[in-house]
PDB file of N, CA and C in Angstrom:
ATOM      1  N   UNK A   1     -41.335 -84.557 122.934  1.00  0.00           N
ATOM      2  CA  UNK A   1     -42.241 -83.461 123.217  1.00  0.00           C
ATOM      3  C   UNK A   1     -43.442 -83.574 122.279  1.00  0.00           C
ATOM      4  N   UNK A   2     -44.635 -83.510 122.845  1.00  0.00           N
ATOM      5  CA  UNK A   2     -45.867 -83.610 122.073  1.00  0.00           C
ATOM      6  C   UNK A   2     -46.359 -82.206 121.738  1.00  0.00           C
ATOM      7  N   UNK A   3     -46.591 -81.966 120.464  1.00  0.00           N
ATOM      8  CA  UNK A   3     -47.097 -80.658 120.045  1.00  0.00           C
ATOM      9  C   UNK A   3     -48.550 -80.523 120.462  1.00  0.00           C
ATOM     10  N   UNK A   4     -48.898 -79.367 120.965  1.00  0.00           N
ATOM     11  CA  UNK A   4     -50.270 -79.109 121.377  1.00  0.00           C
ATOM     12  C   UNK A   4     -51.104 -78.753 120.161  1.00  0.00           C
ATOM     13  N   UNK A   5     -52.255 -79.395 120.032  1.00  0.00           N
ATOM     14  CA  UNK A   5     -53.154 -79.124 118.913  1.00  0.00           C
ATOM     15  C   UNK A   5     -53.963 -77.876 119.223  1.00  0.00           C
ATOM     16  N   UNK A   6     -54.172 -77.063 118.194  1.00  0.00           N
ATOM     17  CA  UNK A   6     -54.999 -75.871 118.351  1.00  0.00           C
ATOM     18  C   UNK A   6     -56.377 -76.175 117.782  1.00  0.00           C
ATOM     19  N   UNK A   7     -57.372 -76.063 118.635  1.00  0.00           N
ATOM     20  CA  UNK A   7     -58.742 -76.408 118.290  1.00  0.00           C
ATOM     21  C   UNK A   7     -59.651 -75.260 118.703  1.00  0.00           C
ATOM     22  N   UNK A   8     -60.554 -74.887 117.788  1.00  0.00           N
ATOM     23  CA  UNK A   8     -61.568 -73.870 118.080  1.00  0.00           C
ATOM     24  C   UNK A   8     -62.937 -74.482 117.824  1.00  0.00           C
ATOM     25  N   UNK A   9     -63.851 -74.272 118.756  1.00  0.00           N
ATOM     26  CA  UNK A   9     -65.231 -74.727 118.659  1.00  0.00           C
ATOM     27  C   UNK A   9     -66.138 -73.510 118.686  1.00  0.00           C
ATOM     28  N   UNK A  10     -66.984 -73.355 117.648  1.00  0.00           N
ATOM     29  CA  UNK A  10     -67.975 -72.282 117.629  1.00  0.00           C
ATOM     30  C   UNK A  10     -69.343 -72.949 117.722  1.00  0.00           C
ATOM     31  N   UNK A  11     -69.941 -72.853 118.895  1.00  0.00           N
ATOM     32  CA  UNK A  11     -71.226 -73.497 119.182  1.00  0.00           C
ATOM     33  C   UNK A  11     -71.842 -72.784 120.381  1.00  0.00           C
ATOM     34  N   UNK A  12     -73.116 -72.462 120.289  1.00  0.00           N
ATOM     35  CA  UNK A  12     -73.751 -71.701 121.363  1.00  0.00           C
ATOM     36  C   UNK A  12     -74.018 -72.524 122.620  1.00  0.00           C
ATOM     37  N   UNK A  13     -74.144 -73.837 122.501  1.00  0.00           N
ATOM     38  CA  UNK A  13     -74.542 -74.649 123.653  1.00  0.00           C
ATOM     39  C   UNK A  13     -73.645 -75.842 123.956  1.00  0.00           C
ATOM     40  N   UNK A  14     -73.071 -76.446 122.939  1.00  0.00           N
ATOM     41  CA  UNK A  14     -72.343 -77.698 123.144  1.00  0.00           C
ATOM     42  C   UNK A  14     -70.857 -77.466 123.383  1.00  0.00           C
ATOM     43  N   UNK A  15     -70.254 -78.488 123.981  1.00  0.00           N
ATOM     44  CA  UNK A  15     -68.817 -78.506 124.244  1.00  0.00           C
ATOM     45  C   UNK A  15     -68.293 -79.888 123.895  1.00  0.00           C
ATOM     46  N   UNK A  16     -66.980 -80.069 123.955  1.00  0.00           N
ATOM     47  CA  UNK A  16     -66.402 -81.380 123.710  1.00  0.00           C
ATOM     48  C   UNK A  16     -66.657 -82.271 124.917  1.00  0.00           C
ATOM     49  N   UNK A  17     -67.236 -83.432 124.682  1.00  0.00           N
ATOM     50  CA  UNK A  17     -67.602 -84.322 125.780  1.00  0.00           C
ATOM     51  C   UNK A  17     -66.388 -84.987 126.434  1.00  0.00           C
ATOM     52  N   UNK A  18     -65.278 -85.060 125.708  1.00  0.00           N
ATOM     53  CA  UNK A  18     -64.079 -85.677 126.278  1.00  0.00           C
ATOM     54  C   UNK A  18     -63.196 -84.672 127.012  1.00  0.00           C
ATOM     55  N   UNK A  19     -63.635 -83.419 127.073  1.00  0.00           N
ATOM     56  CA  UNK A  19     -62.894 -82.404 127.808  1.00  0.00           C
ATOM     57  C   UNK A  19     -61.617 -81.941 127.138  1.00  0.00           C
ATOM     58  N   UNK A  20     -61.460 -82.216 125.837  1.00  0.00           N
ATOM     59  CA  UNK A  20     -60.231 -81.812 125.151  1.00  0.00           C
ATOM     60  C   UNK A  20     -60.026 -80.303 125.227  1.00  0.00           C
ATOM     61  N   UNK A  21     -58.798 -79.912 125.138  1.00  0.00           N
ATOM     62  CA  UNK A  21     -58.438 -78.506 125.184  1.00  0.00           C
ATOM     63  C   UNK A  21     -58.887 -77.811 123.903  1.00  0.00           C
ATOM     64  N   UNK A  22     -59.662 -76.752 124.068  1.00  0.00           N
ATOM     65  CA  UNK A  22     -60.157 -76.000 122.912  1.00  0.00           C
ATOM     66  C   UNK A  22     -60.532 -74.599 123.337  1.00  0.00           C
ATOM     67  N   UNK A  23     -60.451 -73.699 122.392  1.00  0.00           N
ATOM     68  CA  UNK A  23     -60.979 -72.359 122.586  1.00  0.00           C
ATOM     69  C   UNK A  23     -62.429 -72.412 122.117  1.00  0.00           C
ATOM     70  N   UNK A  24     -63.353 -71.875 122.906  1.00  0.00           N
ATOM     71  CA  UNK A  24     -64.771 -71.975 122.595  1.00  0.00           C
ATOM     72  C   UNK A  24     -65.356 -70.583 122.407  1.00  0.00           C
ATOM     73  N   UNK A  25     -66.122 -70.439 121.319  1.00  0.00           N
ATOM     74  CA  UNK A  25     -66.860 -69.199 121.053  1.00  0.00           C
ATOM     75  C   UNK A  25     -68.343 -69.554 121.036  1.00  0.00           C
ATOM     76  N   UNK A  26     -69.140 -68.788 121.747  1.00  0.00           N
ATOM     77  CA  UNK A  26     -70.576 -69.065 121.851  1.00  0.00           C
ATOM     78  C   UNK A  26     -71.420 -68.225 120.909  1.00  0.00           C
ATOM     79  N   UNK A  27     -70.819 -67.252 120.232  1.00  0.00           N
ATOM     80  CA  UNK A  27     -71.525 -66.394 119.277  1.00  0.00           C
ATOM     81  C   UNK A  27     -70.668 -66.242 118.029  1.00  0.00           C
ATOM     82  N   UNK A  28     -71.282 -65.754 116.952  1.00  0.00           N
ATOM     83  CA  UNK A  28     -70.507 -65.528 115.731  1.00  0.00           C
ATOM     84  C   UNK A  28     -69.462 -64.436 115.954  1.00  0.00           C
ATOM     85  N   UNK A  29     -69.808 -63.408 116.716  1.00  0.00           N
ATOM     86  CA  UNK A  29     -68.842 -62.330 116.981  1.00  0.00           C
ATOM     87  C   UNK A  29     -67.629 -62.865 117.739  1.00  0.00           C
ATOM     88  N   UNK A  30     -67.858 -63.722 118.713  1.00  0.00           N
ATOM     89  CA  UNK A  30     -66.745 -64.323 119.451  1.00  0.00           C
ATOM     90  C   UNK A  30     -65.944 -65.254 118.541  1.00  0.00           C
ATOM     91  N   UNK A  31     -66.631 -65.927 117.609  1.00  0.00           N
ATOM     92  CA  UNK A  31     -65.943 -66.786 116.644  1.00  0.00           C
ATOM     93  C   UNK A  31     -65.027 -65.999 115.729  1.00  0.00           C
ATOM     94  N   UNK A  32     -65.517 -64.859 115.258  1.00  0.00           N
ATOM     95  CA  UNK A  32     -64.699 -63.987 114.408  1.00  0.00           C
ATOM     96  C   UNK A  32     -63.477 -63.496 115.188  1.00  0.00           C
ATOM     97  N   UNK A  33     -63.682 -63.110 116.438  1.00  0.00           N
ATOM     98  CA  UNK A  33     -62.569 -62.636 117.264  1.00  0.00           C
ATOM     99  C   UNK A  33     -61.532 -63.739 117.470  1.00  0.00           C
ATOM    100  N   UNK A  34     -61.980 -64.964 117.696  1.00  0.00           N
ATOM    101  CA  UNK A  34     -61.038 -66.079 117.849  1.00  0.00           C
ATOM    102  C   UNK A  34     -60.258 -66.329 116.566  1.00  0.00           C
ATOM    103  N   UNK A  35     -60.953 -66.301 115.433  1.00  0.00           N
ATOM    104  CA  UNK A  35     -60.249 -66.487 114.152  1.00  0.00           C
ATOM    105  C   UNK A  35     -59.182 -65.423 113.958  1.00  0.00           C
ATOM    106  N   UNK A  36     -59.486 -64.189 114.313  1.00  0.00           N
ATOM    107  CA  UNK A  36     -58.511 -63.106 114.167  1.00  0.00           C
ATOM    108  C   UNK A  36     -57.230 -63.405 114.945  1.00  0.00           C
ATOM    109  N   UNK A  37     -57.349 -64.108 116.074  1.00  0.00           N
ATOM    110  CA  UNK A  37     -56.168 -64.463 116.866  1.00  0.00           C
ATOM    111  C   UNK A  37     -55.282 -65.468 116.138  1.00  0.00           C
ATOM    112  N   UNK A  38     -55.864 -66.246 115.209  1.00  0.00           N
ATOM    113  CA  UNK A  38     -55.105 -67.262 114.488  1.00  0.00           C
ATOM    114  C   UNK A  38     -54.711 -66.826 113.083  1.00  0.00           C
ATOM    115  N   UNK A  39     -55.010 -65.609 112.702  1.00  0.00           N
ATOM    116  CA  UNK A  39     -54.617 -65.114 111.380  1.00  0.00           C
ATOM    117  C   UNK A  39     -53.096 -65.155 111.283  1.00  0.00           C
ATOM    118  N   UNK A  40     -52.599 -65.851 110.284  1.00  0.00           N
ATOM    119  CA  UNK A  40     -51.154 -65.977 110.118  1.00  0.00           C
ATOM    120  C   UNK A  40     -50.553 -67.144 110.895  1.00  0.00           C
ATOM    121  N   UNK A  41     -51.376 -67.846 111.672  1.00  0.00           N
ATOM    122  CA  UNK A  41     -50.899 -69.000 112.435  1.00  0.00           C
ATOM    123  C   UNK A  41     -51.612 -70.267 111.985  1.00  0.00           C
ATOM    124  N   UNK A  42     -51.393 -71.331 112.707  1.00  0.00           N
ATOM    125  CA  UNK A  42     -51.960 -72.636 112.367  1.00  0.00           C
ATOM    126  C   UNK A  42     -53.103 -72.979 113.324  1.00  0.00           C
ATOM    127  N   UNK A  43     -54.199 -73.452 112.751  1.00  0.00           N
ATOM    128  CA  UNK A  43     -55.339 -73.950 113.511  1.00  0.00           C
ATOM    129  C   UNK A  43     -55.562 -75.384 113.043  1.00  0.00           C
ATOM    130  N   UNK A  44     -55.412 -76.345 113.938  1.00  0.00           N
ATOM    131  CA  UNK A  44     -55.539 -77.748 113.535  1.00  0.00           C
ATOM    132  C   UNK A  44     -56.975 -78.129 113.211  1.00  0.00           C
ATOM    133  N   UNK A  45     -57.922 -77.711 114.060  1.00  0.00           N
ATOM    134  CA  UNK A  45     -59.324 -78.046 113.847  1.00  0.00           C
ATOM    135  C   UNK A  45     -60.195 -76.833 114.154  1.00  0.00           C
ATOM    136  N   UNK A  46     -61.185 -76.622 113.294  1.00  0.00           N
ATOM    137  CA  UNK A  46     -62.203 -75.604 113.518  1.00  0.00           C
ATOM    138  C   UNK A  46     -63.553 -76.305 113.439  1.00  0.00           C
ATOM    139  N   UNK A  47     -64.282 -76.338 114.542  1.00  0.00           N
ATOM    140  CA  UNK A  47     -65.587 -76.990 114.630  1.00  0.00           C
ATOM    141  C   UNK A  47     -66.668 -75.921 114.549  1.00  0.00           C
ATOM    142  N   UNK A  48     -67.634 -76.105 113.639  1.00  0.00           N
ATOM    143  CA  UNK A  48     -68.651 -75.096 113.408  1.00  0.00           C
ATOM    144  C   UNK A  48     -70.065 -75.648 113.545  1.00  0.00           C
ATOM    145  N   UNK A  49     -70.880 -74.923 114.287  1.00  0.00           N
ATOM    146  CA  UNK A  49     -72.318 -75.166 114.362  1.00  0.00           C
ATOM    147  C   UNK A  49     -72.971 -74.088 113.499  1.00  0.00           C
ATOM    148  N   UNK A  50     -74.096 -74.378 112.892  1.00  0.00           N
ATOM    149  CA  UNK A  50     -74.753 -73.382 112.037  1.00  0.00           C
ATOM    150  C   UNK A  50     -75.577 -72.385 112.847  1.00  0.00           C
ATOM    151  N   UNK A  51     -76.495 -72.878 113.651  1.00  0.00           N
ATOM    152  CA  UNK A  51     -77.409 -72.011 114.403  1.00  0.00           C
ATOM    153  C   UNK A  51     -76.820 -71.725 115.779  1.00  0.00           C
ATOM    154  N   UNK A  52     -76.642 -70.437 116.074  1.00  0.00           N
ATOM    155  CA  UNK A  52     -75.955 -70.048 117.308  1.00  0.00           C
ATOM    156  C   UNK A  52     -76.874 -69.341 118.300  1.00  0.00           C
ATOM    157  N   UNK A  53     -78.152 -69.588 118.207  1.00  0.00           N
ATOM    158  CA  UNK A  53     -79.097 -69.008 119.160  1.00  0.00           C
ATOM    159  C   UNK A  53     -79.714 -67.729 118.642  1.00  0.00           C
ATOM    160  N   UNK A  54     -81.020 -67.604 118.810  1.00  0.00           N
ATOM    161  CA  UNK A  54     -81.722 -66.417 118.316  1.00  0.00           C
ATOM    162  C   UNK A  54     -81.535 -66.276 116.821  1.00  0.00           C
ATOM    163  N   UNK A  55     -81.191 -65.083 116.384  1.00  0.00           N
ATOM    164  CA  UNK A  55     -80.958 -64.820 114.965  1.00  0.00           C
ATOM    165  C   UNK A  55     -79.500 -65.016 114.557  1.00  0.00           C
ATOM    166  N   UNK A  56     -78.647 -65.384 115.491  1.00  0.00           N
ATOM    167  CA  UNK A  56     -77.219 -65.524 115.212  1.00  0.00           C
ATOM    168  C   UNK A  56     -76.941 -66.852 114.504  1.00  0.00           C
ATOM    169  N   UNK A  57     -76.120 -66.775 113.474  1.00  0.00           N
ATOM    170  CA  UNK A  57     -75.674 -67.972 112.754  1.00  0.00           C
ATOM    171  C   UNK A  57     -74.163 -67.901 112.559  1.00  0.00           C
ATOM    172  N   UNK A  58     -73.609 -68.933 111.982  1.00  0.00           N
ATOM    173  CA  UNK A  58     -72.173 -69.027 111.742  1.00  0.00           C
ATOM    174  C   UNK A  58     -71.709 -68.165 110.563  1.00  0.00           C
ATOM    175  N   UNK A  59     -72.619 -67.585 109.801  1.00  0.00           N
ATOM    176  CA  UNK A  59     -72.238 -66.914 108.549  1.00  0.00           C
ATOM    177  C   UNK A  59     -71.230 -65.784 108.685  1.00  0.00           C
ATOM    178  N   UNK A  60     -71.220 -64.987 109.753  1.00  0.00           N
ATOM    179  CA  UNK A  60     -70.131 -63.997 109.864  1.00  0.00           C
ATOM    180  C   UNK A  60     -68.750 -64.660 109.924  1.00  0.00           C
ATOM    181  N   UNK A  61     -68.648 -65.815 110.552  1.00  0.00           N
ATOM    182  CA  UNK A  61     -67.381 -66.553 110.604  1.00  0.00           C
ATOM    183  C   UNK A  61     -67.013 -67.055 109.207  1.00  0.00           C
ATOM    184  N   UNK A  62     -68.008 -67.583 108.503  1.00  0.00           N
ATOM    185  CA  UNK A  62     -67.778 -68.083 107.142  1.00  0.00           C
ATOM    186  C   UNK A  62     -67.298 -66.948 106.240  1.00  0.00           C
ATOM    187  N   UNK A  63     -67.885 -65.778 106.392  1.00  0.00           N
ATOM    188  CA  UNK A  63     -67.484 -64.623 105.570  1.00  0.00           C
ATOM    189  C   UNK A  63     -66.023 -64.252 105.805  1.00  0.00           C
ATOM    190  N   UNK A  64     -65.554 -64.329 107.036  1.00  0.00           N
ATOM    191  CA  UNK A  64     -64.142 -64.040 107.325  1.00  0.00           C
ATOM    192  C   UNK A  64     -63.247 -65.052 106.612  1.00  0.00           C
ATOM    193  N   UNK A  65     -63.622 -66.322 106.660  1.00  0.00           N
ATOM    194  CA  UNK A  65     -62.847 -67.359 105.973  1.00  0.00           C
ATOM    195  C   UNK A  65     -62.859 -67.148 104.463  1.00  0.00           C
ATOM    196  N   UNK A  66     -64.021 -66.804 103.911  1.00  0.00           N
ATOM    197  CA  UNK A  66     -64.140 -66.535 102.470  1.00  0.00           C
ATOM    198  C   UNK A  66     -63.281 -65.354 102.050  1.00  0.00           C
ATOM    199  N   UNK A  67     -63.381 -64.256 102.792  1.00  0.00           N
ATOM    200  CA  UNK A  67     -62.629 -63.046 102.440  1.00  0.00           C
ATOM    201  C   UNK A  67     -61.130 -63.299 102.458  1.00  0.00           C
ATOM    202  N   UNK A  68     -60.671 -64.074 103.437  1.00  0.00           N
ATOM    203  CA  UNK A  68     -59.238 -64.391 103.505  1.00  0.00           C
ATOM    204  C   UNK A  68     -58.807 -65.199 102.286  1.00  0.00           C
ATOM    205  N   UNK A  69     -59.615 -66.181 101.908  1.00  0.00           N
ATOM    206  CA  UNK A  69     -59.276 -66.996 100.733  1.00  0.00           C
ATOM    207  C   UNK A  69     -59.352 -66.176  99.453  1.00  0.00           C
ATOM    208  N   UNK A  70     -60.359 -65.301  99.345  1.00  0.00           N
ATOM    209  CA  UNK A  70     -60.494 -64.445  98.175  1.00  0.00           C
ATOM    210  C   UNK A  70     -59.267 -63.547  98.009  1.00  0.00           C
ATOM    211  N   UNK A  71     -58.735 -63.086  99.136  1.00  0.00           N
ATOM    212  CA  UNK A  71     -57.538 -62.229  99.114  1.00  0.00           C
ATOM    213  C   UNK A  71     -56.261 -63.055  98.964  1.00  0.00           C
ATOM    214  N   UNK A  72     -56.416 -64.351  98.690  1.00  0.00           N
ATOM    215  CA  UNK A  72     -55.306 -65.280  98.504  1.00  0.00           C
ATOM    216  C   UNK A  72     -54.439 -65.403  99.749  1.00  0.00           C
ATOM    217  N   UNK A  73     -55.100 -65.263 100.918  1.00  0.00           N
ATOM    218  CA  UNK A  73     -54.441 -65.461 102.203  1.00  0.00           C
ATOM    219  C   UNK A  73     -55.364 -66.286 103.099  1.00  0.00           C
ATOM    220  N   UNK A  74     -55.717 -67.510 102.647  1.00  0.00           N
ATOM    221  CA  UNK A  74     -56.641 -68.310 103.447  1.00  0.00           C
ATOM    222  C   UNK A  74     -56.036 -68.661 104.806  1.00  0.00           C
ATOM    223  N   UNK A  75     -56.892 -68.908 105.753  1.00  0.00           N
ATOM    224  CA  UNK A  75     -56.441 -69.363 107.060  1.00  0.00           C
ATOM    225  C   UNK A  75     -55.825 -70.751 106.915  1.00  0.00           C
ATOM    226  N   UNK A  76     -54.800 -71.020 107.709  1.00  0.00           N
ATOM    227  CA  UNK A  76     -54.140 -72.324 107.718  1.00  0.00           C
ATOM    228  C   UNK A  76     -54.883 -73.202 108.721  1.00  0.00           C
ATOM    229  N   UNK A  77     -55.830 -73.987 108.208  1.00  0.00           N
ATOM    230  CA  UNK A  77     -56.674 -74.838 109.046  1.00  0.00           C
ATOM    231  C   UNK A  77     -56.553 -76.271 108.539  1.00  0.00           C
ATOM    232  N   UNK A  78     -56.202 -77.179 109.424  1.00  0.00           N
ATOM    233  CA  UNK A  78     -56.079 -78.578 109.043  1.00  0.00           C
ATOM    234  C   UNK A  78     -57.392 -79.144 108.537  1.00  0.00           C
ATOM    235  N   UNK A  79     -58.445 -79.009 109.336  1.00  0.00           N
ATOM    236  CA  UNK A  79     -59.767 -79.489 108.938  1.00  0.00           C
ATOM    237  C   UNK A  79     -60.836 -78.635 109.622  1.00  0.00           C
ATOM    238  N   UNK A  80     -61.881 -78.371 108.866  1.00  0.00           N
ATOM    239  CA  UNK A  80     -63.064 -77.702 109.409  1.00  0.00           C
ATOM    240  C   UNK A  80     -64.135 -78.769 109.545  1.00  0.00           C
ATOM    241  N   UNK A  81     -64.620 -78.962 110.764  1.00  0.00           N
ATOM    242  CA  UNK A  81     -65.652 -79.968 111.025  1.00  0.00           C
ATOM    243  C   UNK A  81     -66.973 -79.256 111.300  1.00  0.00           C
ATOM    244  N   UNK A  82     -67.940 -79.510 110.441  1.00  0.00           N
ATOM    245  CA  UNK A  82     -69.263 -78.902 110.572  1.00  0.00           C
ATOM    246  C   UNK A  82     -70.144 -79.922 111.290  1.00  0.00           C
ATOM    247  N   UNK A  83     -70.468 -79.637 112.545  1.00  0.00           N
ATOM    248  CA  UNK A  83     -71.213 -80.593 113.366  1.00  0.00           C
ATOM    249  C   UNK A  83     -72.666 -80.174 113.577  1.00  0.00           C
ATOM    250  N   UNK A  84     -73.162 -79.272 112.787  1.00  0.00           N
ATOM    251  CA  UNK A  84     -74.510 -78.745 112.927  1.00  0.00           C
ATOM    252  C   UNK A  84     -75.578 -79.815 112.717  1.00  0.00           C
ATOM    253  N   UNK A  85     -76.651 -79.707 113.501  1.00  0.00           N
ATOM    254  CA  UNK A  85     -77.817 -80.578 113.320  1.00  0.00           C
ATOM    255  C   UNK A  85     -78.749 -80.030 112.239  1.00  0.00           C
ATOM    256  N   UNK A  86     -78.391 -78.899 111.649  1.00  0.00           N
ATOM    257  CA  UNK A  86     -79.169 -78.277 110.571  1.00  0.00           C
ATOM    258  C   UNK A  86     -78.581 -78.777 109.244  1.00  0.00           C
ATOM    259  N   UNK A  87     -79.208 -79.772 108.603  1.00  0.00           N
ATOM    260  CA  UNK A  87     -78.594 -80.373 107.411  1.00  0.00           C
ATOM    261  C   UNK A  87     -78.432 -79.411 106.243  1.00  0.00           C
ATOM    262  N   UNK A  88     -79.402 -78.545 106.012  1.00  0.00           N
ATOM    263  CA  UNK A  88     -79.272 -77.576 104.906  1.00  0.00           C
ATOM    264  C   UNK A  88     -78.167 -76.576 105.198  1.00  0.00           C
ATOM    265  N   UNK A  89     -78.115 -76.091 106.440  1.00  0.00           N
ATOM    266  CA  UNK A  89     -77.075 -75.150 106.823  1.00  0.00           C
ATOM    267  C   UNK A  89     -75.691 -75.775 106.727  1.00  0.00           C
ATOM    268  N   UNK A  90     -75.562 -77.011 107.197  1.00  0.00           N
ATOM    269  CA  UNK A  90     -74.272 -77.709 107.140  1.00  0.00           C
ATOM    270  C   UNK A  90     -73.814 -77.906 105.707  1.00  0.00           C
ATOM    271  N   UNK A  91     -74.742 -78.268 104.823  1.00  0.00           N
ATOM    272  CA  UNK A  91     -74.389 -78.479 103.413  1.00  0.00           C
ATOM    273  C   UNK A  91     -73.924 -77.180 102.760  1.00  0.00           C
ATOM    274  N   UNK A  92     -74.596 -76.064 103.072  1.00  0.00           N
ATOM    275  CA  UNK A  92     -74.191 -74.773 102.502  1.00  0.00           C
ATOM    276  C   UNK A  92     -72.813 -74.358 103.003  1.00  0.00           C
ATOM    277  N   UNK A  93     -72.571 -74.552 104.296  1.00  0.00           N
ATOM    278  CA  UNK A  93     -71.260 -74.221 104.866  1.00  0.00           C
ATOM    279  C   UNK A  93     -70.173 -75.010 104.131  1.00  0.00           C
ATOM    280  N   UNK A  94     -70.382 -76.318 104.008  1.00  0.00           N
ATOM    281  CA  UNK A  94     -69.387 -77.175 103.353  1.00  0.00           C
ATOM    282  C   UNK A  94     -69.161 -76.755 101.907  1.00  0.00           C
ATOM    283  N   UNK A  95     -70.236 -76.475 101.188  1.00  0.00           N
ATOM    284  CA  UNK A  95     -70.114 -76.086  99.790  1.00  0.00           C
ATOM    285  C   UNK A  95     -69.291 -74.810  99.638  1.00  0.00           C
ATOM    286  N   UNK A  96     -69.599 -73.825 100.448  1.00  0.00           N
ATOM    287  CA  UNK A  96     -68.893 -72.533 100.351  1.00  0.00           C
ATOM    288  C   UNK A  96     -67.417 -72.699 100.704  1.00  0.00           C
ATOM    289  N   UNK A  97     -67.138 -73.364 101.813  1.00  0.00           N
ATOM    290  CA  UNK A  97     -65.745 -73.471 102.257  1.00  0.00           C
ATOM    291  C   UNK A  97     -64.909 -74.370 101.348  1.00  0.00           C
ATOM    292  N   UNK A  98     -65.509 -75.419 100.818  1.00  0.00           N
ATOM    293  CA  UNK A  98     -64.768 -76.265  99.863  1.00  0.00           C
ATOM    294  C   UNK A  98     -64.444 -75.485  98.591  1.00  0.00           C
ATOM    295  N   UNK A  99     -65.382 -74.635  98.164  1.00  0.00           N
ATOM    296  CA  UNK A  99     -65.131 -73.796  96.984  1.00  0.00           C
ATOM    297  C   UNK A  99     -63.846 -72.982  97.165  1.00  0.00           C
ATOM    298  N   UNK A 100     -63.585 -72.543  98.389  1.00  0.00           N
ATOM    299  CA  UNK A 100     -62.406 -71.727  98.664  1.00  0.00           C
ATOM    300  C   UNK A 100     -61.189 -72.555  99.064  1.00  0.00           C
ATOM    301  N   UNK A 101     -61.282 -73.873  98.925  1.00  0.00           N
ATOM    302  CA  UNK A 101     -60.116 -74.721  99.131  1.00  0.00           C
ATOM    303  C   UNK A 101     -59.897 -75.224 100.547  1.00  0.00           C
ATOM    304  N   UNK A 102     -60.831 -74.967 101.449  1.00  0.00           N
ATOM    305  CA  UNK A 102     -60.690 -75.473 102.809  1.00  0.00           C
ATOM    306  C   UNK A 102     -61.078 -76.954 102.857  1.00  0.00           C
ATOM    307  N   UNK A 103     -60.403 -77.706 103.710  1.00  0.00           N
ATOM    308  CA  UNK A 103     -60.712 -79.121 103.915  1.00  0.00           C
ATOM    309  C   UNK A 103     -61.856 -79.196 104.923  1.00  0.00           C
ATOM    310  N   UNK A 104     -63.014 -79.691 104.474  1.00  0.00           N
ATOM    311  CA  UNK A 104     -64.223 -79.689 105.300  1.00  0.00           C
ATOM    312  C   UNK A 104     -64.743 -81.109 105.469  1.00  0.00           C
ATOM    313  N   UNK A 105     -65.116 -81.415 106.697  1.00  0.00           N
ATOM    314  CA  UNK A 105     -65.748 -82.699 107.017  1.00  0.00           C
ATOM    315  C   UNK A 105     -67.090 -82.391 107.695  1.00  0.00           C
ATOM    316  N   UNK A 106     -68.177 -82.885 107.129  1.00  0.00           N
ATOM    317  CA  UNK A 106     -69.504 -82.682 107.718  1.00  0.00           C
ATOM    318  C   UNK A 106     -69.768 -83.844 108.660  1.00  0.00           C
ATOM    319  N   UNK A 107     -70.033 -83.522 109.934  1.00  0.00           N
ATOM    320  CA  UNK A 107     -70.208 -84.543 110.970  1.00  0.00           C
ATOM    321  C   UNK A 107     -71.439 -84.236 111.815  1.00  0.00           C
ATOM    322  N   UNK A 108     -72.647 -84.258 111.198  1.00  0.00           N
ATOM    323  CA  UNK A 108     -73.838 -83.966 111.990  1.00  0.00           C
ATOM    324  C   UNK A 108     -74.030 -85.030 113.063  1.00  0.00           C
ATOM    325  N   UNK A 109     -74.448 -84.610 114.221  1.00  0.00           N
ATOM    326  CA  UNK A 109     -74.669 -85.559 115.299  1.00  0.00           C
ATOM    327  C   UNK A 109     -73.390 -86.175 115.837  1.00  0.00           C
ATOM    328  N   UNK A 110     -72.271 -85.482 115.665  1.00  0.00           N
ATOM    329  CA  UNK A 110     -70.987 -85.999 116.132  1.00  0.00           C
ATOM    330  C   UNK A 110     -71.035 -86.287 117.628  1.00  0.00           C
ATOM    331  N   UNK A 111     -70.494 -87.435 118.009  1.00  0.00           N
ATOM    332  CA  UNK A 111     -70.412 -87.807 119.422  1.00  0.00           C
ATOM    333  C   UNK A 111     -69.334 -87.009 120.141  1.00  0.00           C
ATOM    334  N   UNK A 112     -68.527 -86.267 119.408  1.00  0.00           N
ATOM    335  CA  UNK A 112     -67.459 -85.488 120.040  1.00  0.00           C
ATOM    336  C   UNK A 112     -67.977 -84.273 120.796  1.00  0.00           C
ATOM    337  N   UNK A 113     -69.132 -83.760 120.358  1.00  0.00           N
ATOM    338  CA  UNK A 113     -69.709 -82.592 121.024  1.00  0.00           C
ATOM    339  C   UNK A 113     -71.059 -82.949 121.620  1.00  0.00           C
ATOM    340  N   UNK A 114     -71.373 -82.333 122.734  1.00  0.00           N
ATOM    341  CA  UNK A 114     -72.649 -82.612 123.381  1.00  0.00           C
ATOM    342  C   UNK A 114     -72.975 -81.570 124.424  1.00  0.00           C
ATOM    343  N   UNK A 115     -74.164 -81.706 124.979  1.00  0.00           N
ATOM    344  CA  UNK A 115     -74.624 -80.821 126.039  1.00  0.00           C
ATOM    345  C   UNK A 115     -74.085 -81.362 127.357  1.00  0.00           C
ATOM    346  N   UNK A 116     -73.199 -80.637 127.992  1.00  0.00           N
ATOM    347  CA  UNK A 116     -72.558 -81.147 129.182  1.00  0.00           C
ATOM    348  C   UNK A 116     -73.412 -81.010 130.442  1.00  0.00           C
ATOM    349  N   UNK A 117     -74.265 -80.015 130.485  1.00  0.00           N
ATOM    350  CA  UNK A 117     -75.073 -79.825 131.683  1.00  0.00           C
ATOM    351  C   UNK A 117     -76.523 -80.177 131.413  1.00  0.00           C
ATOM    352  N   UNK A 118     -77.214 -79.324 130.705  1.00  0.00           N
ATOM    353  CA  UNK A 118     -78.636 -79.541 130.445  1.00  0.00           C
ATOM    354  C   UNK A 118     -78.917 -79.286 128.968  1.00  0.00           C
ATOM    355  N   UNK A 119     -79.663 -80.167 128.316  1.00  0.00           N
ATOM    356  CA  UNK A 119     -80.037 -79.892 126.924  1.00  0.00           C
ATOM    357  C   UNK A 119     -80.941 -78.682 126.863  1.00  0.00           C
ATOM    358  N   UNK A 120     -81.013 -78.043 125.668  1.00  0.00           N
ATOM    359  CA  UNK A 120     -81.842 -76.835 125.555  1.00  0.00           C
ATOM    360  C   UNK A 120     -83.314 -77.142 125.754  1.00  0.00           C
TER     361      UNK A 120
END
């Protein structure tokens, strides 16, 4: 029996190009709601984009992760992959989350995510 991997992608426009199974949040509010569903459970991969359209960014999601770690109840996440094309934003995300003990991999321009229909 193969265990199903739990993957969450927070990105306003992109999806996984290989069609892998994932829960997708298009806004920070939806990202926070998805994280709440995994509180106390295991999340194998969390993929984060920095800029989520308009004035929305990933920071509300980051704050939830920070608060959990500060309360000594961090989320159980195998790896957080920051795939943002915003290099300064990606670096800040990685710095903050690594400070709290999360395993972070910065993957700007990752071939795993892309625009499936039309680029912006």
